[in-house]
Amino acid sequence: MASVNETVGAIVQAPSWDQRVAQIRLVSQRHGTAEHSRIFAEVAREAYVPHLAPDFAYIHEAPFYEAPYFREAYAAAATATSSFTVVDETTLSTTITDDPRTLLVFRTILGLAKTEFAQATVLVAEATNGGGVSAGKIDSMERNGAPATPAQATTIAKTLTQIMDGSLFGDPGGGLRSKQAKIDTENGWSSASNLATTGVPYADFLHQRHYGGAYRQVLDATSTKRGNLIEDAVEQLFLSAGVPYLRTGAHDQAEIARRFELQVQPAPDFVIFDDSGSLRGILECKLVNDGGTARDKALRFERLRGESIRLGGIPLFAVLSGMGWTRVNDTLGPVVRDTEGRVFTLATLDQMLTVAPLPTLVNTHDNG
């Protein structure tokens, strides 16, 4: 009878993924159920945890939020206003008309989100029975340089002026403070022009980051990409390798159940099939940074394993990301067990193509 350490070593040191799967299948024959949790936790710790990466250490590239784009808009705004010293309504309106991207700079000086600034323009426009400027229009001006109408440019200039001189919103009530009560706007345009010429003390710069959260805007703007990070990577792998697959969603749950007889709801993130349309594998992606959440998500793989067994042992794959999976006893260990070791990360994703049945499916489908 093999010891726990011997079994763990055989699994971890297996020369191929398929042989690792074969070694994991022997666990139930070589060991009593009391030892299974320990074995899978140790396998997870030694073979899989080292490939997990903290996804919170990175952000998606977003050109609109990067320094080069902002600096171009800033240079235009600073030049047109002589470093924010000439900021009458006419100058502001002309600046915005000549280069609509400068609105990004002026709005950022105010510290308002697009929707907040759009609502502020409505308040200003009401005084002249005019219309405000929508958040969508503001976004297209800032992001794409979409031209503003003369009326829109005038309304924006009036809004900037009235917010900066404190006349639009008035004094806040008890316990509140204005969003313009900050280092570059506390004394209106004079604060902005002073910092534009003298610079910002590093302590004040860091305080603003602390107050608002570093990368908060770009994280919010790319939240969809972030949520689909693993799924997009898997799809790109299958596309480039010519593996037939379907990426499931809320729109095709009934179709997936009818076509492949999958009864688990919701369907796994990916179903893999052959040229005859037969189901050959199911794959689930999970990005989790919290151990408690990972424990809950691990139960999903237990359900998928049951479905895999019901369908005759269809291989179950997992692609995981996030440091929540480093909690091995009740999270990653059970996933290794339920997938028979077919667990991959973004760092090992390309190796998935070496695991049965994927080698036989490569270049069998034109995913174009």
Protein backbone atom coordinates (compact mmCIF):
# COMPACT_ATOMS: atom_id res chain seq x y z
CA MET A 1 0.00 0.00 0.00
CA ALA A 2 1.44 3.37 -1.05
CA SER A 3 1.93 6.06 1.55
CA VAL A 4 0.31 9.47 1.21
CA ASN A 5 3.66 11.06 0.39
CA GLU A 6 4.39 8.45 -2.27
CA THR A 7 1.03 9.00 -3.92
CA VAL A 8 1.40 12.77 -3.84
CA GLY A 9 4.87 12.47 -5.34
CA ALA A 10 3.65 10.18 -8.11
CA ILE A 11 0.92 12.65 -9.03
CA VAL A 12 3.04 15.79 -8.85
CA GLN A 13 6.00 14.26 -10.69
CA ALA A 14 3.97 12.57 -13.44
CA PRO A 15 5.74 13.30 -16.76
CA SER A 16 2.54 14.39 -18.55
CA TRP A 17 -0.88 15.77 -17.73
CA ASP A 18 -2.59 12.60 -18.91
CA GLN A 19 -0.36 10.50 -16.66
CA ARG A 20 -1.18 12.83 -13.79
CA VAL A 21 -4.87 12.20 -14.43
CA ALA A 22 -4.17 8.45 -14.42
CA GLN A 23 -2.34 8.71 -11.08
CA ILE A 24 -5.19 10.72 -9.54
CA ARG A 25 -7.66 8.03 -10.62
CA LEU A 26 -5.68 5.51 -8.56
CA VAL A 27 -6.13 7.44 -5.30
CA SER A 28 -9.44 5.77 -4.47
CA GLN A 29 -7.89 2.33 -5.02
CA ARG A 30 -4.78 2.97 -2.93
CA HIS A 31 -6.21 4.97 -0.04
CA GLY A 32 -9.20 5.10 2.22
CA THR A 33 -11.51 8.09 2.02
CA ALA A 34 -10.06 9.52 5.24
CA GLU A 35 -6.80 10.24 3.40
CA HIS A 36 -8.27 11.71 0.22
CA SER A 37 -8.62 15.31 1.42
CA ARG A 38 -5.02 15.41 2.61
CA ILE A 39 -3.75 13.96 -0.67
CA PHE A 40 -5.63 16.39 -2.89
CA ALA A 41 -4.72 19.36 -0.69
CA GLU A 42 -1.02 18.46 -0.92
CA VAL A 43 -1.24 17.93 -4.68
CA ALA A 44 -2.96 21.29 -5.03
CA ARG A 45 -0.33 23.01 -2.89
CA GLU A 46 2.65 21.52 -4.72
CA ALA A 47 1.46 21.28 -8.32
CA TYR A 48 -1.08 24.05 -8.80
CA VAL A 49 -0.69 26.90 -6.29
CA PRO A 50 2.71 27.97 -7.70
CA HIS A 51 1.00 28.84 -10.99
CA LEU A 52 -1.65 31.09 -9.45
CA ALA A 53 -1.08 34.81 -9.86
CA PRO A 54 -2.62 37.75 -7.98
CA ASP A 55 -4.84 39.26 -10.66
CA PHE A 56 -5.21 42.39 -8.50
CA ALA A 57 -1.60 43.23 -9.40
CA TYR A 58 -2.59 44.14 -12.96
CA ILE A 59 -5.04 46.30 -14.85
CA HIS A 60 -6.19 46.16 -18.44
CA GLU A 61 -4.71 48.61 -20.88
CA ALA A 62 -7.17 51.41 -21.58
CA PRO A 63 -5.72 54.11 -23.87
CA PHE A 64 -8.29 56.70 -22.83
CA TYR A 65 -7.06 56.44 -19.23
CA GLU A 66 -3.35 56.27 -19.96
CA ALA A 67 -0.97 59.19 -19.41
CA PRO A 68 -0.20 60.00 -23.08
CA TYR A 69 -3.83 60.68 -23.96
CA PHE A 70 -4.47 62.76 -20.86
CA ARG A 71 -1.28 64.74 -21.33
CA GLU A 72 -2.31 65.69 -24.86
CA ALA A 73 -5.66 66.95 -23.64
CA TYR A 74 -4.00 68.70 -20.69
CA ALA A 75 -1.48 70.46 -22.92
CA ALA A 76 -4.28 71.79 -25.09
CA ALA A 77 -6.29 72.99 -22.09
CA ALA A 78 -3.30 74.58 -20.35
CA THR A 79 -2.10 76.34 -23.50
CA ALA A 80 -5.53 77.73 -24.36
CA THR A 81 -6.06 79.11 -20.85
CA SER A 82 -2.48 80.21 -20.13
CA SER A 83 -2.13 77.54 -17.44
CA PHE A 84 -5.67 78.14 -16.18
CA THR A 85 -5.21 81.85 -15.57
CA VAL A 86 -7.50 82.98 -18.41
CA VAL A 87 -10.70 81.11 -17.65
CA ASP A 88 -13.60 83.40 -18.54
CA GLU A 89 -16.65 81.77 -20.10
CA THR A 90 -15.73 82.87 -23.61
CA THR A 91 -12.24 81.38 -23.37
CA LEU A 92 -13.55 78.13 -21.91
CA SER A 93 -16.21 77.85 -24.60
CA THR A 94 -13.67 78.51 -27.36
CA THR A 95 -11.22 76.01 -25.87
CA ILE A 96 -13.86 73.29 -25.74
CA THR A 97 -15.01 74.09 -29.27
CA ASP A 98 -11.48 74.01 -30.66
CA ASP A 99 -10.55 70.77 -28.88
CA PRO A 100 -13.46 68.92 -27.21
CA ARG A 101 -11.01 66.57 -25.50
CA THR A 102 -10.09 69.39 -23.12
CA LEU A 103 -13.40 68.78 -21.35
CA LEU A 104 -11.73 65.72 -19.83
CA VAL A 105 -9.20 67.95 -18.13
CA PHE A 106 -11.72 70.51 -16.90
CA ARG A 107 -14.08 67.84 -15.58
CA THR A 108 -11.21 66.08 -13.83
CA ILE A 109 -10.23 69.35 -12.17
CA LEU A 110 -13.77 69.56 -10.79
CA GLY A 111 -13.57 66.00 -9.49
CA LEU A 112 -16.91 64.99 -11.02
CA ALA A 113 -17.88 61.82 -12.86
CA LYS A 114 -19.40 62.15 -16.35
CA THR A 115 -22.93 61.56 -15.09
CA GLU A 116 -22.45 64.10 -12.30
CA PHE A 117 -21.16 66.76 -14.66
CA ALA A 118 -23.99 66.03 -17.11
CA GLN A 119 -26.54 66.63 -14.34
CA ALA A 120 -24.75 69.85 -13.42
CA THR A 121 -25.17 71.10 -17.01
CA VAL A 122 -28.91 70.45 -16.71
CA LEU A 123 -29.05 72.70 -13.64
CA VAL A 124 -27.24 75.47 -15.51
CA ALA A 125 -29.35 75.08 -18.65
CA GLU A 126 -32.60 75.33 -16.71
CA ALA A 127 -31.84 78.99 -15.99
CA THR A 128 -31.90 79.78 -19.73
CA ASN A 129 -34.58 77.22 -20.71
CA GLY A 130 -31.93 75.34 -22.61
CA GLY A 131 -30.93 71.71 -22.61
CA GLY A 132 -28.10 70.13 -20.70
CA VAL A 133 -25.33 68.00 -22.13
CA SER A 134 -25.78 64.23 -21.80
CA ALA A 135 -23.21 61.92 -20.25
CA GLY A 136 -22.94 60.14 -23.60
CA LYS A 137 -22.11 63.40 -25.37
CA ILE A 138 -19.56 64.27 -22.70
CA ASP A 139 -17.93 60.86 -23.16
CA SER A 140 -17.76 61.19 -26.94
CA MET A 141 -16.22 64.66 -26.65
CA GLU A 142 -13.58 63.54 -24.17
CA ARG A 143 -12.83 60.16 -25.74
CA ASN A 144 -13.22 60.86 -29.46
CA GLY A 145 -13.06 64.65 -29.78
CA ALA A 146 -16.67 64.77 -30.99
CA PRO A 147 -17.56 68.41 -31.71
CA ALA A 148 -19.89 70.33 -29.44
CA THR A 149 -22.59 72.63 -30.73
CA PRO A 150 -22.20 76.33 -29.82
CA ALA A 151 -25.03 75.93 -27.31
CA GLN A 152 -23.37 72.89 -25.71
CA ALA A 153 -20.00 74.62 -25.50
CA THR A 154 -21.62 77.65 -23.86
CA THR A 155 -23.51 75.49 -21.36
CA ILE A 156 -20.35 73.58 -20.48
CA ALA A 157 -18.38 76.81 -20.01
CA LYS A 158 -21.09 78.24 -17.75
CA THR A 159 -21.19 75.01 -15.75
CA LEU A 160 -17.42 75.03 -15.23
CA THR A 161 -17.50 78.65 -14.15
CA GLN A 162 -20.38 78.31 -11.72
CA ILE A 163 -18.97 75.19 -10.09
CA MET A 164 -15.54 76.74 -9.68
CA ASP A 165 -16.85 79.98 -8.19
CA GLY A 166 -19.15 78.04 -5.88
CA SER A 167 -22.40 79.53 -7.12
CA LEU A 168 -24.00 76.44 -8.64
CA PHE A 169 -24.24 74.09 -5.68
CA GLY A 170 -23.99 76.47 -2.74
CA ASP A 171 -22.66 75.62 0.70
CA PRO A 172 -23.08 72.01 1.88
CA GLY A 173 -25.04 71.17 5.00
CA GLY A 174 -23.64 69.93 8.27
CA GLY A 175 -21.27 67.01 8.03
CA LEU A 176 -20.78 67.45 4.28
CA ARG A 177 -18.03 69.03 2.23
CA SER A 178 -17.91 70.15 -1.36
CA LYS A 179 -16.10 67.99 -3.88
CA GLN A 180 -14.22 71.14 -4.86
CA ALA A 181 -12.77 71.47 -1.35
CA LYS A 182 -9.50 69.97 -2.50
CA ILE A 183 -6.00 71.17 -3.17
CA ASP A 184 -6.45 72.25 -6.79
CA THR A 185 -9.91 73.87 -6.48
CA GLU A 186 -10.32 75.05 -2.89
CA ASN A 187 -9.82 78.66 -4.02
CA GLY A 188 -11.30 78.25 -7.46
CA TRP A 189 -9.22 78.69 -10.60
CA SER A 190 -6.39 80.34 -8.68
CA SER A 191 -5.69 77.03 -6.96
CA ALA A 192 -5.59 75.23 -10.28
CA SER A 193 -3.30 77.79 -11.92
CA ASN A 194 -0.96 77.79 -8.92
CA LEU A 195 -0.48 74.02 -9.05
CA ALA A 196 -0.17 74.09 -12.84
CA THR A 197 2.90 76.31 -12.49
CA THR A 198 4.43 75.17 -9.18
CA GLY A 199 3.51 71.47 -9.12
CA VAL A 200 1.80 69.32 -6.49
CA PRO A 201 3.58 68.35 -3.26
CA TYR A 202 4.01 64.59 -3.23
CA ALA A 203 2.17 64.22 0.08
CA ASP A 204 -0.87 65.96 -1.40
CA PHE A 205 -0.69 63.82 -4.54
CA LEU A 206 -0.65 60.65 -2.45
CA HIS A 207 -3.48 61.95 -0.29
CA GLN A 208 -5.67 62.39 -3.36
CA ARG A 209 -4.85 58.83 -4.41
CA HIS A 210 -5.75 57.63 -0.92
CA TYR A 211 -8.97 59.64 -1.01
CA GLY A 212 -10.08 58.47 -4.43
CA GLY A 213 -8.41 55.11 -4.85
CA ALA A 214 -5.57 54.43 -7.26
CA TYR A 215 -6.77 53.08 -10.63
CA ARG A 216 -10.40 53.22 -9.51
CA GLN A 217 -11.65 54.80 -12.72
CA VAL A 218 -9.86 52.46 -15.07
CA LEU A 219 -10.85 49.42 -12.98
CA ASP A 220 -14.49 50.47 -13.19
CA ALA A 221 -14.20 51.16 -16.91
CA THR A 222 -12.66 47.76 -17.63
CA SER A 223 -14.74 45.70 -15.19
CA THR A 224 -16.37 43.71 -17.99
CA LYS A 225 -12.99 42.81 -19.47
CA ARG A 226 -11.76 41.89 -16.02
CA GLY A 227 -14.76 39.68 -15.39
CA ASN A 228 -14.22 37.89 -18.69
CA LEU A 229 -10.45 37.66 -18.38
CA ILE A 230 -10.22 33.86 -18.14
CA GLU A 231 -13.06 33.11 -20.55
CA ASP A 232 -11.51 35.37 -23.19
CA ALA A 233 -8.15 33.62 -22.80
CA VAL A 234 -9.71 30.17 -23.12
CA GLU A 235 -11.69 31.22 -26.16
CA GLN A 236 -8.60 32.63 -27.83
CA LEU A 237 -6.75 29.36 -27.17
CA PHE A 238 -9.53 27.29 -28.75
CA LEU A 239 -9.84 29.70 -31.67
CA SER A 240 -6.15 29.60 -32.48
CA ALA A 241 -5.93 25.80 -32.04
CA GLY A 242 -8.99 25.02 -34.13
CA VAL A 243 -10.76 23.20 -31.29
CA PRO A 244 -14.56 23.03 -31.71
CA TYR A 245 -16.29 24.66 -28.75
CA LEU A 246 -19.21 26.74 -27.61
CA ARG A 247 -18.91 29.52 -25.05
CA THR A 248 -22.18 29.38 -23.19
CA GLY A 249 -24.29 32.20 -21.87
CA ALA A 250 -27.75 33.04 -20.61
CA HIS A 251 -29.04 33.13 -24.18
CA ASP A 252 -28.35 29.50 -25.08
CA GLN A 253 -28.95 27.42 -21.94
CA ALA A 254 -31.91 25.58 -23.47
CA GLU A 255 -30.00 24.95 -26.69
CA ILE A 256 -27.01 23.55 -24.78
CA ALA A 257 -29.28 21.21 -22.84
CA ARG A 258 -31.04 20.01 -26.01
CA ARG A 259 -27.93 19.61 -28.13
CA PHE A 260 -25.63 17.97 -25.58
CA GLU A 261 -28.09 16.62 -22.97
CA LEU A 262 -26.45 18.70 -20.25
CA GLN A 263 -28.83 19.02 -17.33
CA VAL A 264 -26.75 21.08 -14.91
CA GLN A 265 -27.86 24.71 -14.65
CA PRO A 266 -26.30 26.99 -15.54
CA ALA A 267 -24.33 25.15 -18.20
CA PRO A 268 -20.52 25.11 -17.85
CA ASP A 269 -18.72 28.08 -19.39
CA PHE A 270 -17.49 26.02 -22.35
CA VAL A 271 -18.59 22.80 -24.00
CA ILE A 272 -16.12 21.00 -26.24
CA PHE A 273 -17.32 18.69 -29.00
CA ASP A 274 -16.01 16.75 -32.02
CA ASP A 275 -16.82 16.96 -35.72
CA SER A 276 -19.78 14.63 -35.23
CA GLY A 277 -21.27 16.99 -32.67
CA SER A 278 -20.65 14.65 -29.74
CA LEU A 279 -19.79 16.20 -26.38
CA ARG A 280 -16.12 15.60 -25.54
CA GLY A 281 -15.46 17.88 -22.57
CA ILE A 282 -16.83 20.60 -20.30
CA LEU A 283 -14.88 23.51 -18.87
CA GLU A 284 -15.56 25.99 -16.10
CA CYS A 285 -13.66 29.23 -15.36
CA LYS A 286 -13.47 30.87 -11.96
CA LEU A 287 -11.58 34.00 -10.86
CA VAL A 288 -11.65 34.36 -7.08
CA ASN A 289 -9.47 36.42 -4.74
CA ASP A 290 -11.19 35.57 -1.46
CA GLY A 291 -10.76 32.19 0.19
CA GLY A 292 -14.31 32.04 1.50
CA THR A 293 -15.72 32.77 -1.93
CA ALA A 294 -13.40 30.16 -3.44
CA ARG A 295 -14.81 27.59 -1.03
CA ASP A 296 -18.31 28.35 -2.28
CA LYS A 297 -17.22 28.26 -5.93
CA ALA A 298 -15.53 24.89 -5.41
CA LEU A 299 -18.97 23.37 -4.86
CA ARG A 300 -19.79 24.20 -8.48
CA PHE A 301 -17.13 21.73 -9.62
CA GLU A 302 -18.63 19.03 -7.43
CA ARG A 303 -21.92 19.49 -9.28
CA LEU A 304 -20.18 19.48 -12.64
CA ARG A 305 -18.35 16.27 -11.71
CA GLY A 306 -21.72 14.65 -11.04
CA GLU A 307 -22.89 15.72 -14.48
CA SER A 308 -19.64 14.47 -16.01
CA ILE A 309 -20.17 11.05 -14.44
CA ARG A 310 -23.83 10.96 -15.51
CA LEU A 311 -22.75 11.55 -19.11
CA GLY A 312 -20.33 8.64 -19.04
CA GLY A 313 -17.17 10.28 -17.72
CA ILE A 314 -16.93 13.34 -19.96
CA PRO A 315 -13.66 15.09 -18.93
CA LEU A 316 -14.14 18.14 -16.71
CA PHE A 317 -11.63 21.00 -16.98
CA ALA A 318 -11.08 23.96 -14.67
CA VAL A 319 -9.31 27.22 -15.46
CA LEU A 320 -8.73 29.21 -12.29
CA SER A 321 -7.29 32.58 -11.36
CA GLY A 322 -6.96 34.60 -8.19
CA MET A 323 -5.31 34.06 -4.85
CA GLY A 324 -8.48 32.73 -3.24
CA TRP A 325 -7.56 29.35 -4.67
CA THR A 326 -4.38 29.19 -2.58
CA ARG A 327 -6.62 27.95 0.23
CA VAL A 328 -6.14 24.30 -0.65
CA ASN A 329 -7.97 22.20 1.95
CA ASP A 330 -11.53 23.12 1.05
CA THR A 331 -11.10 24.97 -2.25
CA LEU A 332 -8.37 23.97 -4.68
CA GLY A 333 -7.94 20.44 -3.34
CA PRO A 334 -11.57 19.49 -4.02
CA VAL A 335 -11.38 21.05 -7.50
CA VAL A 336 -8.29 18.95 -8.28
CA ARG A 337 -10.23 15.91 -7.09
CA ASP A 338 -13.38 16.70 -9.09
CA THR A 339 -11.49 17.43 -12.32
CA GLU A 340 -9.04 14.54 -11.85
CA GLY A 341 -6.24 17.10 -12.00
CA ARG A 342 -7.34 18.95 -15.14
CA VAL A 343 -6.81 22.33 -13.47
CA PHE A 344 -5.12 25.14 -15.37
CA THR A 345 -4.24 28.78 -14.83
CA LEU A 346 -3.45 31.55 -17.27
CA ALA A 347 0.22 30.61 -16.86
CA THR A 348 -0.37 26.97 -17.86
CA LEU A 349 -3.31 27.41 -20.22
CA ASP A 350 -1.54 26.36 -23.40
CA GLN A 351 -0.65 23.02 -21.75
CA MET A 352 -4.36 22.17 -21.67
CA LEU A 353 -4.10 21.26 -25.36
CA THR A 354 -1.94 18.27 -24.39
CA VAL A 355 -4.64 16.70 -22.22
CA ALA A 356 -7.09 14.14 -23.63
CA PRO A 357 -9.29 14.55 -25.55
CA LEU A 358 -8.02 17.94 -26.78
CA PRO A 359 -5.01 16.68 -28.83
CA THR A 360 -7.42 14.76 -31.08
CA LEU A 361 -9.56 17.88 -31.56
CA VAL A 362 -6.85 20.37 -32.50
CA ASN A 363 -7.29 21.73 -36.05
CA THR A 364 -10.56 19.88 -36.57
CA HIS A 365 -12.70 22.96 -36.75
CA ASP A 366 -12.53 26.34 -38.49
CA ASN A 367 -13.45 28.77 -35.73
CA GLY A 368 -13.16 31.72 -38.09
